[in-house]
C-alpha cells in the first residue's frame, strides 16, 4: 500500500507498471494479482487504506466536534494531494470516487439518522450517499483546481457552509 502511494505521488500518474509496483513493495506479480486482481484495484485499496488510517482515525480522535473532523479531512487531502490528484484523474478515478463515497456514506448514516429520524433503510442509505457524493465533488474540485498550496481551512469552511445550509440543526463549531 505504501509503495503504491509513494509511486503515484512521485510520478504524478496512476499509469505505473505492475512490475514497478511489485518491485517497490518487494512482492511478486502473482501476489498482487491474487490479492487485488489488477493494478487499479490495488491503487484504490491503497487510497482506502490511507483514508482509514489517516482520516477516519483522526476524525474519531476529534470526538463529536464537527469542525476538527472536517479540518482533519481537509489537512489530509492537502498533505496527500500529489497522490489524490492522479487518483482522481487516472484510470481508477471512477472506482476510487465510488469506493470513497461508499466509505464516507457508511460513516454518515448515523448523522442522517440523528438529523432526520428514522427513515426507510433505502432512503437513509441514499441520503447518506447523496451527502457524501456532494462533499466529495467539492473536495475533488478543491484538490484538482485549488491554488498551491491548498488551504485546508478553505475546504473546511466550504464544507461546513454547505452543511449549515443543508442541515441547520447540525452543530458546526466545537
N, C-alpha and C. Protein backbone atom coordinates (compact mmCIF):
# COMPACT_ATOMS: atom_id res chain seq x y z
N UNK A 1 0.83 -1.19 0.00
CA UNK A 1 0.00 0.00 0.00
C UNK A 1 0.88 1.26 0.00
N UNK A 2 1.85 1.26 0.90
CA UNK A 2 2.73 2.43 1.00
C UNK A 2 3.52 2.64 -0.29
N UNK A 3 3.96 1.55 -0.89
CA UNK A 3 4.72 1.66 -2.14
C UNK A 3 3.85 2.24 -3.25
N UNK A 4 2.58 1.85 -3.30
CA UNK A 4 1.67 2.37 -4.32
C UNK A 4 1.45 3.87 -4.12
N UNK A 5 1.22 4.27 -2.89
CA UNK A 5 1.02 5.71 -2.59
C UNK A 5 2.27 6.50 -2.96
N UNK A 6 3.43 5.97 -2.59
CA UNK A 6 4.68 6.66 -2.88
C UNK A 6 4.92 6.80 -4.38
N UNK A 7 4.73 5.72 -5.14
CA UNK A 7 4.98 5.78 -6.59
C UNK A 7 4.01 6.71 -7.30
N UNK A 8 2.73 6.65 -6.96
CA UNK A 8 1.75 7.55 -7.60
C UNK A 8 2.10 9.00 -7.25
N UNK A 9 2.44 9.25 -6.00
CA UNK A 9 2.79 10.61 -5.57
C UNK A 9 4.03 11.13 -6.29
N UNK A 10 5.04 10.29 -6.39
CA UNK A 10 6.29 10.70 -7.04
C UNK A 10 6.12 10.92 -8.54
N UNK A 11 5.38 10.06 -9.18
CA UNK A 11 5.27 10.10 -10.64
C UNK A 11 4.11 10.95 -11.14
N UNK A 12 3.16 11.23 -10.27
CA UNK A 12 2.02 12.06 -10.66
C UNK A 12 1.08 11.38 -11.64
N UNK A 13 1.05 10.07 -11.61
CA UNK A 13 0.20 9.31 -12.52
C UNK A 13 -0.16 7.97 -11.90
N UNK A 14 -1.27 7.42 -12.36
CA UNK A 14 -1.63 6.06 -11.97
C UNK A 14 -1.15 5.05 -13.00
N UNK A 15 -0.60 5.52 -14.10
CA UNK A 15 -0.10 4.64 -15.16
C UNK A 15 1.29 4.13 -14.78
N UNK A 16 1.30 3.30 -13.77
CA UNK A 16 2.54 2.73 -13.26
C UNK A 16 2.54 1.24 -13.58
N UNK A 17 3.62 0.77 -14.12
CA UNK A 17 3.71 -0.64 -14.47
C UNK A 17 3.59 -1.51 -13.22
N UNK A 18 2.89 -2.61 -13.36
CA UNK A 18 2.73 -3.55 -12.25
C UNK A 18 4.10 -4.00 -11.74
N UNK A 19 5.02 -4.18 -12.65
CA UNK A 19 6.38 -4.58 -12.26
C UNK A 19 7.00 -3.54 -11.33
N UNK A 20 6.82 -2.27 -11.63
CA UNK A 20 7.35 -1.21 -10.76
C UNK A 20 6.71 -1.27 -9.37
N UNK A 21 5.41 -1.50 -9.33
CA UNK A 21 4.71 -1.59 -8.04
C UNK A 21 5.20 -2.78 -7.22
N UNK A 22 5.31 -3.92 -7.88
CA UNK A 22 5.72 -5.13 -7.15
C UNK A 22 7.18 -5.04 -6.69
N UNK A 23 8.03 -4.45 -7.52
CA UNK A 23 9.43 -4.28 -7.11
C UNK A 23 9.53 -3.33 -5.93
N UNK A 24 8.79 -2.23 -5.97
CA UNK A 24 8.83 -1.24 -4.88
C UNK A 24 8.31 -1.83 -3.57
N UNK A 25 7.34 -2.74 -3.67
CA UNK A 25 6.75 -3.36 -2.48
C UNK A 25 7.45 -4.65 -2.10
N UNK A 26 8.38 -5.08 -2.94
CA UNK A 26 9.10 -6.34 -2.73
C UNK A 26 8.14 -7.52 -2.58
N UNK A 27 7.21 -7.60 -3.54
CA UNK A 27 6.27 -8.72 -3.62
C UNK A 27 6.24 -9.22 -5.06
N UNK A 28 5.67 -10.37 -5.26
CA UNK A 28 5.60 -10.92 -6.62
C UNK A 28 4.37 -10.38 -7.36
N UNK A 29 4.46 -10.42 -8.68
CA UNK A 29 3.32 -10.03 -9.51
C UNK A 29 2.12 -10.94 -9.21
N UNK A 30 2.43 -12.22 -9.03
CA UNK A 30 1.37 -13.19 -8.74
C UNK A 30 0.61 -12.81 -7.48
N UNK A 31 1.32 -12.39 -6.44
CA UNK A 31 0.67 -11.99 -5.20
C UNK A 31 -0.23 -10.78 -5.41
N UNK A 32 0.27 -9.80 -6.16
CA UNK A 32 -0.56 -8.62 -6.45
C UNK A 32 -1.84 -9.02 -7.16
N UNK A 33 -1.72 -9.83 -8.20
CA UNK A 33 -2.90 -10.24 -8.97
C UNK A 33 -3.85 -11.12 -8.14
N UNK A 34 -3.28 -11.99 -7.31
CA UNK A 34 -4.13 -12.85 -6.49
C UNK A 34 -4.90 -12.04 -5.44
N UNK A 35 -4.24 -11.06 -4.87
CA UNK A 35 -4.85 -10.30 -3.78
C UNK A 35 -5.76 -9.17 -4.28
N UNK A 36 -5.37 -8.49 -5.36
CA UNK A 36 -6.11 -7.32 -5.80
C UNK A 36 -6.80 -7.48 -7.16
N UNK A 37 -6.34 -8.39 -7.97
CA UNK A 37 -6.94 -8.57 -9.28
C UNK A 37 -6.24 -7.78 -10.37
N UNK A 38 -5.98 -6.51 -10.11
CA UNK A 38 -5.27 -5.68 -11.09
C UNK A 38 -4.68 -4.45 -10.41
N UNK A 39 -3.93 -3.69 -11.18
CA UNK A 39 -3.24 -2.50 -10.66
C UNK A 39 -4.22 -1.49 -10.09
N UNK A 40 -5.30 -1.20 -10.83
CA UNK A 40 -6.23 -0.17 -10.38
C UNK A 40 -6.90 -0.55 -9.06
N UNK A 41 -7.21 -1.81 -8.89
CA UNK A 41 -7.80 -2.27 -7.62
C UNK A 41 -6.81 -2.08 -6.48
N UNK A 42 -5.53 -2.33 -6.74
CA UNK A 42 -4.50 -2.08 -5.73
C UNK A 42 -4.45 -0.60 -5.37
N UNK A 43 -4.46 0.26 -6.37
CA UNK A 43 -4.37 1.70 -6.11
C UNK A 43 -5.57 2.20 -5.31
N UNK A 44 -6.76 1.72 -5.64
CA UNK A 44 -7.95 2.10 -4.88
C UNK A 44 -7.85 1.59 -3.45
N UNK A 45 -7.40 0.37 -3.29
CA UNK A 45 -7.22 -0.19 -1.94
C UNK A 45 -6.20 0.63 -1.14
N UNK A 46 -5.15 1.10 -1.81
CA UNK A 46 -4.16 1.94 -1.13
C UNK A 46 -4.77 3.26 -0.69
N UNK A 47 -5.64 3.83 -1.52
CA UNK A 47 -6.32 5.08 -1.15
C UNK A 47 -7.24 4.86 0.05
N UNK A 48 -8.00 3.79 0.02
CA UNK A 48 -8.90 3.48 1.14
C UNK A 48 -8.10 3.25 2.42
N UNK A 49 -7.02 2.51 2.31
CA UNK A 49 -6.17 2.26 3.47
C UNK A 49 -5.64 3.57 4.05
N UNK A 50 -5.20 4.46 3.18
CA UNK A 50 -4.68 5.76 3.61
C UNK A 50 -5.77 6.57 4.31
N UNK A 51 -6.96 6.61 3.74
CA UNK A 51 -8.07 7.36 4.34
C UNK A 51 -8.45 6.75 5.69
N UNK A 52 -8.54 5.44 5.74
CA UNK A 52 -8.93 4.81 7.01
C UNK A 52 -7.90 5.05 8.10
N UNK A 53 -6.63 4.96 7.76
CA UNK A 53 -5.57 5.14 8.76
C UNK A 53 -5.39 6.60 9.18
N UNK A 54 -5.47 7.50 8.20
CA UNK A 54 -5.11 8.90 8.48
C UNK A 54 -6.30 9.83 8.71
N UNK A 55 -7.43 9.56 8.09
CA UNK A 55 -8.57 10.47 8.21
C UNK A 55 -9.57 9.96 9.24
N UNK A 56 -9.99 8.74 9.09
CA UNK A 56 -11.06 8.23 9.96
C UNK A 56 -10.58 8.15 11.40
N UNK A 57 -9.37 7.70 11.61
CA UNK A 57 -8.85 7.64 12.98
C UNK A 57 -8.71 9.03 13.59
N UNK A 58 -8.25 10.01 12.80
CA UNK A 58 -8.14 11.38 13.32
C UNK A 58 -9.52 11.96 13.62
N UNK A 59 -10.48 11.66 12.76
CA UNK A 59 -11.84 12.15 12.99
C UNK A 59 -12.41 11.54 14.26
N UNK A 60 -12.15 10.27 14.47
CA UNK A 60 -12.62 9.62 15.70
C UNK A 60 -11.96 10.24 16.92
N UNK A 61 -10.68 10.60 16.80
CA UNK A 61 -9.96 11.23 17.90
C UNK A 61 -10.50 12.63 18.18
N UNK A 62 -11.05 13.29 17.16
CA UNK A 62 -11.59 14.64 17.34
C UNK A 62 -12.90 14.62 18.12
N UNK A 63 -13.51 13.46 18.26
CA UNK A 63 -14.74 13.35 19.04
C UNK A 63 -15.95 13.87 18.29
N UNK A 64 -16.86 14.48 19.02
CA UNK A 64 -18.13 14.92 18.47
C UNK A 64 -18.03 16.21 17.66
N UNK A 65 -17.05 17.05 17.94
CA UNK A 65 -16.97 18.35 17.29
C UNK A 65 -16.74 18.18 15.79
N UNK A 66 -17.59 18.83 15.00
CA UNK A 66 -17.56 18.64 13.56
C UNK A 66 -16.39 19.36 12.89
N UNK A 67 -16.11 20.60 13.27
CA UNK A 67 -15.05 21.35 12.60
C UNK A 67 -13.69 20.64 12.68
N UNK A 68 -13.27 20.14 13.84
CA UNK A 68 -11.99 19.43 13.86
C UNK A 68 -11.97 18.19 12.96
N UNK A 69 -13.11 17.52 12.84
CA UNK A 69 -13.18 16.34 11.97
C UNK A 69 -13.01 16.75 10.51
N UNK A 70 -13.74 17.79 10.11
CA UNK A 70 -13.66 18.25 8.72
C UNK A 70 -12.28 18.82 8.42
N UNK A 71 -11.71 19.53 9.38
CA UNK A 71 -10.37 20.09 9.19
C UNK A 71 -9.32 18.98 9.09
N UNK A 72 -9.47 17.91 9.85
CA UNK A 72 -8.54 16.77 9.74
C UNK A 72 -8.63 16.18 8.34
N UNK A 73 -9.84 16.05 7.81
CA UNK A 73 -10.02 15.54 6.46
C UNK A 73 -9.35 16.46 5.45
N UNK A 74 -9.58 17.76 5.56
CA UNK A 74 -9.00 18.72 4.62
C UNK A 74 -7.48 18.72 4.69
N UNK A 75 -6.94 18.67 5.88
CA UNK A 75 -5.48 18.65 6.03
C UNK A 75 -4.88 17.39 5.40
N UNK A 76 -5.57 16.28 5.59
CA UNK A 76 -5.09 15.03 5.00
C UNK A 76 -5.04 15.14 3.47
N UNK A 77 -6.13 15.59 2.87
CA UNK A 77 -6.16 15.66 1.42
C UNK A 77 -5.16 16.68 0.88
N UNK A 78 -4.95 17.78 1.60
CA UNK A 78 -3.95 18.76 1.17
C UNK A 78 -2.55 18.16 1.25
N UNK A 79 -2.26 17.46 2.34
CA UNK A 79 -0.94 16.85 2.52
C UNK A 79 -0.66 15.79 1.46
N UNK A 80 -1.69 15.06 1.07
CA UNK A 80 -1.51 13.96 0.12
C UNK A 80 -2.03 14.30 -1.28
N UNK A 81 -2.08 15.57 -1.60
CA UNK A 81 -2.55 15.99 -2.93
C UNK A 81 -1.79 15.33 -4.07
N UNK A 82 -0.45 15.18 -3.96
CA UNK A 82 0.27 14.53 -5.07
C UNK A 82 -0.20 13.10 -5.34
N UNK A 83 -0.80 12.45 -4.35
CA UNK A 83 -1.35 11.12 -4.55
C UNK A 83 -2.78 11.19 -5.07
N UNK A 84 -3.62 11.99 -4.43
CA UNK A 84 -5.04 12.00 -4.79
C UNK A 84 -5.32 12.64 -6.15
N UNK A 85 -4.53 13.60 -6.55
CA UNK A 85 -4.78 14.25 -7.84
C UNK A 85 -4.73 13.24 -9.00
N UNK A 86 -3.69 12.45 -9.13
CA UNK A 86 -3.70 11.45 -10.21
C UNK A 86 -4.76 10.37 -10.00
N UNK A 87 -5.04 10.06 -8.75
CA UNK A 87 -6.06 9.05 -8.47
C UNK A 87 -7.44 9.52 -8.94
N UNK A 88 -7.68 10.82 -8.92
CA UNK A 88 -8.97 11.38 -9.33
C UNK A 88 -9.05 11.66 -10.83
N UNK A 89 -7.93 11.53 -11.51
CA UNK A 89 -7.93 11.82 -12.95
C UNK A 89 -7.44 10.64 -13.79
N UNK A 90 -6.92 9.61 -13.16
CA UNK A 90 -6.35 8.48 -13.88
C UNK A 90 -7.36 7.38 -14.14
N UNK A 91 -6.83 6.24 -14.50
CA UNK A 91 -7.66 5.11 -14.93
C UNK A 91 -8.57 4.56 -13.83
N UNK A 92 -8.24 4.80 -12.58
CA UNK A 92 -9.05 4.25 -11.49
C UNK A 92 -9.93 5.31 -10.84
N UNK A 93 -10.10 6.46 -11.49
CA UNK A 93 -10.85 7.58 -10.90
C UNK A 93 -12.28 7.20 -10.52
N UNK A 94 -12.99 6.53 -11.42
CA UNK A 94 -14.38 6.17 -11.12
C UNK A 94 -14.43 5.21 -9.94
N UNK A 95 -13.62 4.18 -9.96
CA UNK A 95 -13.62 3.20 -8.87
C UNK A 95 -13.23 3.85 -7.54
N UNK A 96 -12.27 4.76 -7.59
CA UNK A 96 -11.85 5.41 -6.35
C UNK A 96 -12.95 6.30 -5.81
N UNK A 97 -13.55 7.11 -6.65
CA UNK A 97 -14.61 8.01 -6.21
C UNK A 97 -15.77 7.22 -5.63
N UNK A 98 -16.16 6.17 -6.32
CA UNK A 98 -17.28 5.37 -5.84
C UNK A 98 -16.96 4.70 -4.50
N UNK A 99 -15.77 4.15 -4.39
CA UNK A 99 -15.38 3.46 -3.16
C UNK A 99 -15.31 4.43 -1.98
N UNK A 100 -14.69 5.60 -2.18
CA UNK A 100 -14.61 6.57 -1.10
C UNK A 100 -15.99 7.14 -0.75
N UNK A 101 -16.83 7.36 -1.74
CA UNK A 101 -18.20 7.82 -1.45
C UNK A 101 -18.94 6.79 -0.60
N UNK A 102 -18.80 5.52 -0.93
CA UNK A 102 -19.43 4.47 -0.14
C UNK A 102 -18.87 4.44 1.28
N UNK A 103 -17.57 4.59 1.42
CA UNK A 103 -16.95 4.60 2.74
C UNK A 103 -17.47 5.75 3.58
N UNK A 104 -17.46 6.95 3.02
CA UNK A 104 -17.93 8.12 3.78
C UNK A 104 -19.44 8.06 4.02
N UNK A 105 -20.19 7.51 3.08
CA UNK A 105 -21.64 7.37 3.28
C UNK A 105 -21.93 6.45 4.46
N UNK A 106 -21.16 5.38 4.59
CA UNK A 106 -21.39 4.47 5.71
C UNK A 106 -21.15 5.19 7.04
N UNK A 107 -20.23 6.14 7.06
CA UNK A 107 -19.98 6.92 8.27
C UNK A 107 -21.07 7.96 8.51
N UNK A 108 -21.71 8.42 7.43
CA UNK A 108 -22.74 9.45 7.54
C UNK A 108 -24.11 8.92 7.95
N UNK A 109 -24.30 7.61 7.91
CA UNK A 109 -25.63 7.06 8.22
C UNK A 109 -26.10 7.42 9.62
N UNK A 110 -25.21 7.41 10.58
CA UNK A 110 -25.58 7.78 11.95
C UNK A 110 -26.02 9.24 12.00
N UNK A 111 -25.29 10.10 11.34
CA UNK A 111 -25.65 11.52 11.31
C UNK A 111 -26.99 11.72 10.63
N UNK A 112 -27.22 11.02 9.54
CA UNK A 112 -28.51 11.11 8.84
C UNK A 112 -29.64 10.69 9.77
N UNK A 113 -29.43 9.62 10.50
CA UNK A 113 -30.45 9.15 11.46
C UNK A 113 -30.69 10.20 12.55
N UNK A 114 -29.62 10.80 13.06
CA UNK A 114 -29.76 11.81 14.11
C UNK A 114 -30.48 13.05 13.61
N UNK A 115 -30.20 13.44 12.37
CA UNK A 115 -30.79 14.67 11.82
C UNK A 115 -32.23 14.48 11.34
N UNK A 116 -32.50 13.35 10.75
CA UNK A 116 -33.79 13.17 10.07
C UNK A 116 -34.67 12.10 10.70
N UNK A 117 -34.20 11.51 11.79
CA UNK A 117 -35.00 10.48 12.44
C UNK A 117 -34.97 9.18 11.65
N UNK A 118 -35.86 8.31 12.03
CA UNK A 118 -35.93 7.02 11.36
C UNK A 118 -36.51 7.18 9.97
N UNK A 119 -35.77 6.76 9.00
CA UNK A 119 -36.18 6.79 7.60
C UNK A 119 -36.15 5.36 7.08
N UNK A 120 -36.86 5.10 6.01
CA UNK A 120 -36.70 3.78 5.40
C UNK A 120 -35.22 3.54 5.08
N UNK A 121 -34.79 2.31 5.24
CA UNK A 121 -33.37 1.96 5.08
C UNK A 121 -32.80 2.46 3.75
N UNK A 122 -33.53 2.29 2.67
CA UNK A 122 -33.05 2.74 1.35
C UNK A 122 -32.90 4.26 1.31
N UNK A 123 -33.86 4.97 1.88
CA UNK A 123 -33.79 6.43 1.91
C UNK A 123 -32.61 6.89 2.75
N UNK A 124 -32.41 6.25 3.88
CA UNK A 124 -31.29 6.59 4.75
C UNK A 124 -29.96 6.38 4.00
N UNK A 125 -29.82 5.25 3.33
CA UNK A 125 -28.61 4.95 2.55
C UNK A 125 -28.44 5.98 1.44
N UNK A 126 -29.51 6.25 0.69
CA UNK A 126 -29.43 7.18 -0.43
C UNK A 126 -29.07 8.59 0.03
N UNK A 127 -29.64 9.03 1.14
CA UNK A 127 -29.36 10.37 1.65
C UNK A 127 -27.90 10.47 2.12
N UNK A 128 -27.41 9.45 2.81
CA UNK A 128 -26.01 9.44 3.25
C UNK A 128 -25.08 9.46 2.04
N UNK A 129 -25.41 8.69 1.01
CA UNK A 129 -24.61 8.66 -0.21
C UNK A 129 -24.67 9.98 -0.95
N UNK A 130 -25.85 10.58 -1.00
CA UNK A 130 -26.04 11.88 -1.64
C UNK A 130 -25.18 12.96 -0.97
N UNK A 131 -25.20 13.00 0.35
CA UNK A 131 -24.41 13.99 1.08
C UNK A 131 -22.92 13.73 0.90
N UNK A 132 -22.52 12.48 0.94
CA UNK A 132 -21.10 12.14 0.75
C UNK A 132 -20.64 12.48 -0.66
N UNK A 133 -21.48 12.20 -1.64
CA UNK A 133 -21.13 12.50 -3.03
C UNK A 133 -20.97 13.99 -3.27
N UNK A 134 -21.85 14.78 -2.66
CA UNK A 134 -21.74 16.24 -2.80
C UNK A 134 -20.47 16.77 -2.15
N UNK A 135 -20.19 16.29 -0.94
CA UNK A 135 -18.96 16.71 -0.26
C UNK A 135 -17.74 16.26 -1.06
N UNK A 136 -17.83 15.08 -1.65
CA UNK A 136 -16.74 14.57 -2.48
C UNK A 136 -16.52 15.46 -3.70
N UNK A 137 -17.59 15.91 -4.32
CA UNK A 137 -17.46 16.77 -5.50
C UNK A 137 -16.76 18.08 -5.15
N UNK A 138 -17.12 18.66 -4.01
CA UNK A 138 -16.48 19.91 -3.57
C UNK A 138 -15.01 19.64 -3.25
N UNK A 139 -14.74 18.55 -2.56
CA UNK A 139 -13.35 18.20 -2.21
C UNK A 139 -12.52 17.94 -3.46
N UNK A 140 -13.08 17.21 -4.41
CA UNK A 140 -12.36 16.94 -5.65
C UNK A 140 -12.06 18.22 -6.42
N UNK A 141 -13.02 19.12 -6.49
CA UNK A 141 -12.82 20.41 -7.16
C UNK A 141 -11.65 21.15 -6.51
N UNK A 142 -11.64 21.18 -5.19
CA UNK A 142 -10.58 21.85 -4.44
C UNK A 142 -9.23 21.18 -4.68
N UNK A 143 -9.20 19.84 -4.64
CA UNK A 143 -7.95 19.11 -4.85
C UNK A 143 -7.39 19.30 -6.25
N UNK A 144 -8.28 19.26 -7.23
CA UNK A 144 -7.82 19.32 -8.62
C UNK A 144 -7.51 20.74 -9.08
N UNK A 145 -8.32 21.71 -8.67
CA UNK A 145 -8.21 23.06 -9.22
C UNK A 145 -7.76 24.12 -8.24
N UNK A 146 -7.63 23.78 -6.97
CA UNK A 146 -7.23 24.76 -5.96
C UNK A 146 -5.81 25.24 -6.17
N UNK A 147 -5.58 26.49 -5.74
CA UNK A 147 -4.26 27.09 -5.87
C UNK A 147 -3.28 26.44 -4.89
N UNK A 148 -2.02 26.33 -5.33
CA UNK A 148 -0.96 25.82 -4.45
C UNK A 148 -0.47 26.93 -3.55
N UNK A 149 -0.21 26.68 -2.31
CA UNK A 149 -0.55 25.45 -1.60
C UNK A 149 -2.04 25.46 -1.23
N UNK A 150 -2.61 24.29 -1.13
CA UNK A 150 -4.01 24.18 -0.74
C UNK A 150 -4.19 24.68 0.69
N UNK A 151 -5.33 25.33 0.93
CA UNK A 151 -5.66 25.85 2.25
C UNK A 151 -6.74 24.98 2.88
N UNK A 152 -6.38 24.11 3.83
CA UNK A 152 -7.38 23.23 4.45
C UNK A 152 -8.52 24.00 5.12
N UNK A 153 -8.23 25.16 5.66
CA UNK A 153 -9.29 25.98 6.29
C UNK A 153 -10.35 26.36 5.26
N UNK A 154 -9.92 26.64 4.03
CA UNK A 154 -10.86 27.00 2.97
C UNK A 154 -11.83 25.84 2.69
N UNK A 155 -11.29 24.64 2.54
CA UNK A 155 -12.16 23.50 2.28
C UNK A 155 -13.09 23.25 3.46
N UNK A 156 -12.56 23.31 4.67
CA UNK A 156 -13.40 23.11 5.85
C UNK A 156 -14.53 24.12 5.88
N UNK A 157 -14.23 25.39 5.60
CA UNK A 157 -15.27 26.42 5.58
C UNK A 157 -16.31 26.14 4.50
N UNK A 158 -15.86 25.71 3.34
CA UNK A 158 -16.80 25.40 2.25
C UNK A 158 -17.73 24.25 2.64
N UNK A 159 -17.16 23.18 3.16
CA UNK A 159 -17.97 22.02 3.52
C UNK A 159 -18.91 22.32 4.69
N UNK A 160 -18.41 23.03 5.68
CA UNK A 160 -19.26 23.37 6.82
C UNK A 160 -20.34 24.38 6.44
N UNK A 161 -20.02 25.27 5.49
CA UNK A 161 -21.04 26.20 4.99
C UNK A 161 -22.17 25.45 4.32
N UNK A 162 -21.84 24.46 3.51
CA UNK A 162 -22.87 23.63 2.88
C UNK A 162 -23.67 22.86 3.93
N UNK A 163 -22.97 22.30 4.90
CA UNK A 163 -23.65 21.54 5.94
C UNK A 163 -24.63 22.42 6.72
N UNK A 164 -24.24 23.67 6.97
CA UNK A 164 -25.13 24.55 7.74
C UNK A 164 -26.39 24.92 6.96
N UNK A 165 -26.29 24.96 5.63
CA UNK A 165 -27.47 25.26 4.82
C UNK A 165 -28.34 24.02 4.69
N UNK A 166 -27.72 22.88 4.45
CA UNK A 166 -28.49 21.65 4.22
C UNK A 166 -29.06 21.08 5.51
N UNK A 167 -28.36 21.26 6.59
CA UNK A 167 -28.79 20.69 7.87
C UNK A 167 -28.62 21.74 8.97
N UNK A 168 -29.56 22.69 9.06
CA UNK A 168 -29.41 23.80 10.01
C UNK A 168 -29.25 23.37 11.47
N UNK A 169 -29.65 22.16 11.81
CA UNK A 169 -29.54 21.72 13.20
C UNK A 169 -28.17 21.13 13.51
N UNK A 170 -27.31 21.00 12.49
CA UNK A 170 -26.01 20.39 12.68
C UNK A 170 -25.07 21.38 13.37
N UNK A 171 -24.44 21.00 14.48
CA UNK A 171 -23.50 21.89 15.15
C UNK A 171 -22.24 22.04 14.30
N UNK A 172 -21.88 23.26 13.93
CA UNK A 172 -20.75 23.46 13.02
C UNK A 172 -19.46 23.86 13.73
N UNK A 173 -19.51 24.12 14.99
CA UNK A 173 -18.27 24.50 15.67
C UNK A 173 -18.03 23.58 16.85
N UNK A 174 -16.92 23.79 17.48
CA UNK A 174 -16.62 22.99 18.66
C UNK A 174 -15.24 22.63 18.68
